[in-house]
N, C-alpha and C. Protein backbone atom coordinates (compact mmCIF):
# COMPACT_ATOMS: atom_id res chain seq x y z
N MET A 1 -15.99 19.31 0.53
CA MET A 1 -15.05 18.30 0.73
C MET A 1 -13.59 18.68 0.73
N ASP A 2 -12.80 18.20 1.71
CA ASP A 2 -11.44 18.45 1.76
C ASP A 2 -10.66 17.68 0.80
N THR A 3 -10.23 18.19 -0.34
CA THR A 3 -9.65 17.32 -1.35
C THR A 3 -8.10 17.19 -0.91
N SER A 4 -7.56 17.34 0.33
CA SER A 4 -6.29 17.14 0.67
C SER A 4 -6.18 15.59 1.35
N GLN A 5 -7.64 15.29 1.70
CA GLN A 5 -7.53 13.85 2.12
C GLN A 5 -7.10 12.80 1.36
N LYS A 6 -6.35 11.81 1.65
CA LYS A 6 -5.99 10.80 0.94
C LYS A 6 -6.75 9.56 1.07
N THR A 7 -6.88 8.85 -0.08
CA THR A 7 -7.59 7.48 -0.16
C THR A 7 -6.57 6.56 0.69
N ASN A 8 -7.36 5.51 1.26
CA ASN A 8 -6.47 4.38 1.94
C ASN A 8 -5.48 3.80 1.10
N MET A 9 -5.80 3.54 -0.22
CA MET A 9 -4.78 3.05 -1.25
C MET A 9 -3.58 4.01 -1.23
N GLN A 10 -3.83 5.38 -1.11
CA GLN A 10 -2.54 6.31 -1.35
C GLN A 10 -1.98 6.31 -0.06
N VAL A 11 -2.76 5.97 1.09
CA VAL A 11 -1.70 5.99 2.20
C VAL A 11 -0.93 4.64 2.42
N ALA A 12 -1.47 3.63 1.97
CA ALA A 12 -0.88 2.33 1.93
C ALA A 12 0.38 2.43 0.99
N LEU A 13 0.08 3.16 -0.17
CA LEU A 13 1.32 3.18 -1.12
C LEU A 13 2.45 4.15 -0.52
N ALA A 14 1.94 5.22 0.28
CA ALA A 14 2.82 6.18 0.88
C ALA A 14 3.83 5.27 2.02
N LEU A 15 3.06 4.51 2.67
CA LEU A 15 3.78 3.70 3.72
C LEU A 15 4.79 2.82 2.99
N ALA A 16 4.36 2.15 1.88
CA ALA A 16 5.10 1.20 1.21
C ALA A 16 6.32 1.97 0.59
N LYS A 17 6.45 3.16 0.17
CA LYS A 17 7.36 4.03 -0.56
C LYS A 17 8.53 4.18 0.84
N GLN A 18 7.99 4.04 1.90
CA GLN A 18 8.93 4.39 2.99
C GLN A 18 9.50 2.98 3.47
N ARG A 19 9.40 1.91 2.80
CA ARG A 19 9.61 0.73 3.10
C ARG A 19 8.97 0.01 4.18
N ILE A 20 7.65 0.55 4.54
CA ILE A 20 6.87 -0.19 5.63
C ILE A 20 5.81 -1.12 4.89
N PRO A 21 5.95 -2.36 5.19
CA PRO A 21 5.09 -3.38 4.53
C PRO A 21 3.58 -3.02 4.98
N VAL A 22 2.67 -3.40 4.17
CA VAL A 22 1.26 -3.17 4.51
C VAL A 22 0.50 -4.29 4.19
N PHE A 23 -0.88 -4.26 4.58
CA PHE A 23 -1.72 -5.37 4.30
C PHE A 23 -3.29 -4.78 4.51
N PRO A 24 -4.06 -5.16 3.74
CA PRO A 24 -5.48 -4.72 3.92
C PRO A 24 -6.15 -5.28 4.98
N PHE A 25 -7.03 -4.43 5.61
CA PHE A 25 -7.95 -4.96 6.96
C PHE A 25 -9.18 -4.04 6.89
N ARG A 26 -10.31 -4.56 7.34
CA ARG A 26 -11.59 -3.92 7.46
C ARG A 26 -12.08 -3.95 8.97
N LEU A 27 -12.92 -3.06 9.11
CA LEU A 27 -13.45 -3.02 10.56
C LEU A 27 -14.73 -3.74 10.45
N VAL A 28 -15.08 -4.87 11.17
CA VAL A 28 -16.25 -5.62 11.16
C VAL A 28 -17.10 -5.32 12.38
N PRO A 29 -18.31 -4.86 12.11
CA PRO A 29 -19.23 -4.49 13.28
C PRO A 29 -19.54 -5.80 14.23
N ARG A 30 -19.75 -5.29 15.44
CA ARG A 30 -20.25 -6.67 16.59
C ARG A 30 -21.46 -5.95 17.22
N PRO A 31 -22.58 -6.59 17.11
CA PRO A 31 -23.70 -6.02 18.02
C PRO A 31 -23.36 -5.77 19.46
N GLY A 32 -23.43 -4.41 19.74
CA GLY A 32 -23.34 -4.16 21.26
C GLY A 32 -21.81 -4.16 21.64
N LYS A 33 -21.03 -4.27 20.75
CA LYS A 33 -19.53 -3.98 21.10
C LYS A 33 -18.98 -3.20 19.95
N SER A 34 -17.60 -2.82 20.52
CA SER A 34 -16.72 -2.04 19.30
C SER A 34 -16.35 -2.88 18.34
N PRO A 35 -16.36 -2.35 16.96
CA PRO A 35 -15.95 -3.35 15.77
C PRO A 35 -14.53 -4.02 16.04
N THR A 36 -14.31 -5.07 15.27
CA THR A 36 -13.24 -5.77 15.47
C THR A 36 -12.33 -5.64 14.06
N LYS A 37 -11.23 -5.70 14.09
CA LYS A 37 -10.27 -5.42 12.98
C LYS A 37 -10.33 -6.98 12.10
N LYS A 38 -10.27 -7.11 11.00
CA LYS A 38 -10.28 -8.32 10.25
C LYS A 38 -9.50 -8.12 8.84
N PRO A 39 -8.25 -8.82 9.01
CA PRO A 39 -7.40 -8.61 7.75
C PRO A 39 -8.41 -9.34 6.55
N CYS A 40 -7.99 -8.68 5.43
CA CYS A 40 -8.69 -9.07 4.16
C CYS A 40 -7.83 -10.21 3.62
N ILE A 41 -6.68 -10.56 3.92
CA ILE A 41 -5.96 -11.67 3.41
C ILE A 41 -5.69 -12.67 4.55
N THR A 42 -5.17 -13.87 4.17
CA THR A 42 -4.74 -14.84 5.18
C THR A 42 -3.22 -14.59 5.15
N ASP A 43 -2.48 -14.99 6.44
CA ASP A 43 -1.35 -15.06 6.63
C ASP A 43 -0.63 -13.43 6.46
N PHE A 44 -1.51 -12.45 6.84
CA PHE A 44 -1.09 -11.07 6.69
C PHE A 44 0.15 -10.76 7.09
N LYS A 45 0.65 -11.33 8.27
CA LYS A 45 1.96 -10.91 8.87
C LYS A 45 3.08 -11.11 7.58
N ASN A 46 2.97 -12.35 6.99
CA ASN A 46 3.82 -12.77 6.18
C ASN A 46 3.78 -12.16 4.75
N LYS A 47 2.37 -11.96 4.49
CA LYS A 47 2.04 -11.40 3.11
C LYS A 47 2.12 -9.79 2.93
N ALA A 48 2.27 -9.10 4.14
CA ALA A 48 2.13 -7.74 3.97
C ALA A 48 3.53 -7.31 3.07
N THR A 49 3.36 -6.31 2.25
CA THR A 49 4.14 -6.03 1.24
C THR A 49 4.56 -4.46 0.89
N THR A 50 5.55 -4.02 0.33
CA THR A 50 6.00 -2.77 -0.01
C THR A 50 5.70 -2.68 -1.59
N ASP A 51 5.25 -3.87 -2.22
CA ASP A 51 4.97 -3.86 -3.58
C ASP A 51 3.94 -3.02 -4.12
N PRO A 52 4.10 -2.01 -4.98
CA PRO A 52 2.86 -1.17 -5.34
C PRO A 52 1.89 -1.82 -6.07
N ASP A 53 2.24 -2.88 -6.95
CA ASP A 53 1.36 -3.49 -7.91
C ASP A 53 0.47 -4.37 -6.81
N GLN A 54 1.00 -5.02 -6.11
CA GLN A 54 0.18 -5.90 -5.18
C GLN A 54 -0.73 -4.95 -4.23
N ILE A 55 -0.26 -3.88 -3.76
CA ILE A 55 -1.06 -2.96 -2.86
C ILE A 55 -2.17 -2.42 -3.85
N GLY A 56 -1.92 -2.11 -5.13
CA GLY A 56 -3.00 -1.68 -6.00
C GLY A 56 -4.01 -2.80 -6.09
N ARG A 57 -3.56 -4.08 -6.33
CA ARG A 57 -4.70 -5.15 -6.62
C ARG A 57 -5.62 -5.32 -5.30
N TRP A 58 -4.78 -5.29 -4.17
CA TRP A 58 -5.57 -5.51 -2.84
C TRP A 58 -6.72 -4.32 -2.65
N PHE A 59 -6.17 -3.02 -2.85
CA PHE A 59 -7.16 -2.02 -2.51
C PHE A 59 -8.00 -1.74 -3.65
N THR A 60 -7.87 -2.38 -4.88
CA THR A 60 -8.92 -2.34 -5.96
C THR A 60 -9.92 -3.19 -5.60
N LYS A 61 -9.53 -4.41 -5.05
CA LYS A 61 -10.48 -5.41 -4.85
C LYS A 61 -11.31 -5.18 -3.47
N TRP A 62 -10.76 -4.60 -2.50
CA TRP A 62 -10.99 -4.07 -1.18
C TRP A 62 -11.22 -2.49 -1.13
N PRO A 63 -11.88 -1.87 -1.76
CA PRO A 63 -11.63 -0.21 -1.86
C PRO A 63 -11.98 0.44 -0.54
N ASP A 64 -12.86 -0.47 0.38
CA ASP A 64 -13.04 0.22 1.88
C ASP A 64 -12.02 -0.41 2.74
N ALA A 65 -11.11 -1.18 2.55
CA ALA A 65 -9.97 -1.69 3.30
C ALA A 65 -9.13 -0.46 3.70
N MET A 66 -8.46 -0.45 4.89
CA MET A 66 -7.49 0.31 5.57
C MET A 66 -6.39 -0.34 5.39
N PRO A 67 -5.12 0.34 5.58
CA PRO A 67 -3.78 -0.26 5.50
C PRO A 67 -3.42 -0.60 7.04
N GLY A 68 -3.02 -1.84 7.16
CA GLY A 68 -2.45 -2.32 8.24
C GLY A 68 -0.99 -2.56 8.20
N ILE A 69 -0.28 -2.33 9.28
CA ILE A 69 1.25 -2.71 9.35
C ILE A 69 1.44 -3.81 10.44
N PRO A 70 2.10 -4.85 9.90
CA PRO A 70 2.34 -5.82 10.78
C PRO A 70 3.27 -5.47 11.85
N THR A 71 3.29 -5.74 13.15
CA THR A 71 4.18 -5.66 14.24
C THR A 71 5.04 -6.55 14.55
N GLY A 72 6.20 -6.24 15.31
CA GLY A 72 7.20 -7.32 15.64
C GLY A 72 8.51 -7.15 14.80
N SER A 73 9.22 -8.37 14.57
CA SER A 73 10.76 -8.02 14.10
C SER A 73 10.70 -7.65 12.65
N ARG A 74 9.68 -7.87 11.93
CA ARG A 74 9.77 -7.41 10.52
C ARG A 74 9.63 -6.06 10.34
N THR A 75 9.04 -5.46 11.14
CA THR A 75 8.92 -3.91 11.06
C THR A 75 9.56 -2.86 12.27
N GLY A 76 9.79 -3.92 13.32
CA GLY A 76 10.26 -3.19 14.58
C GLY A 76 9.21 -2.38 15.41
N PHE A 77 8.22 -2.61 14.82
CA PHE A 77 6.78 -1.77 15.51
C PHE A 77 6.45 -2.73 16.80
N VAL A 78 6.28 -2.11 17.98
CA VAL A 78 5.59 -2.68 18.95
C VAL A 78 4.44 -1.99 19.45
N VAL A 79 3.35 -2.53 19.77
CA VAL A 79 2.08 -1.85 20.04
C VAL A 79 1.68 -2.28 21.56
N LEU A 80 1.62 -1.20 22.41
CA LEU A 80 1.08 -1.64 23.89
C LEU A 80 -0.42 -0.98 23.82
N ASP A 81 -1.36 -2.06 23.97
CA ASP A 81 -2.81 -1.79 24.12
C ASP A 81 -3.20 -1.95 25.51
N ILE A 82 -3.62 -0.87 26.23
CA ILE A 82 -3.86 -0.71 27.58
C ILE A 82 -5.45 -0.59 27.63
N ASP A 83 -6.16 -1.38 27.90
CA ASP A 83 -7.59 -1.20 27.97
C ASP A 83 -8.16 -2.42 28.64
């Protein structure tokens, strides 16, 4: 096993350290289709945070969650999804 791989919590904390707010999300399987992304929290765009204590609580509660980054004016990130 490659021990240089980081856990999702470590990635979320590294993003937060760079002042990029994050929230936890999971991939939810759909029969016959690609999985869909589902935030683990409500109002994720506003609740995304850089607070390491909150991130720790979230990723302890949902250890299989992945870090999500809200797009738009809060982060300045824009996504173009062409498919």
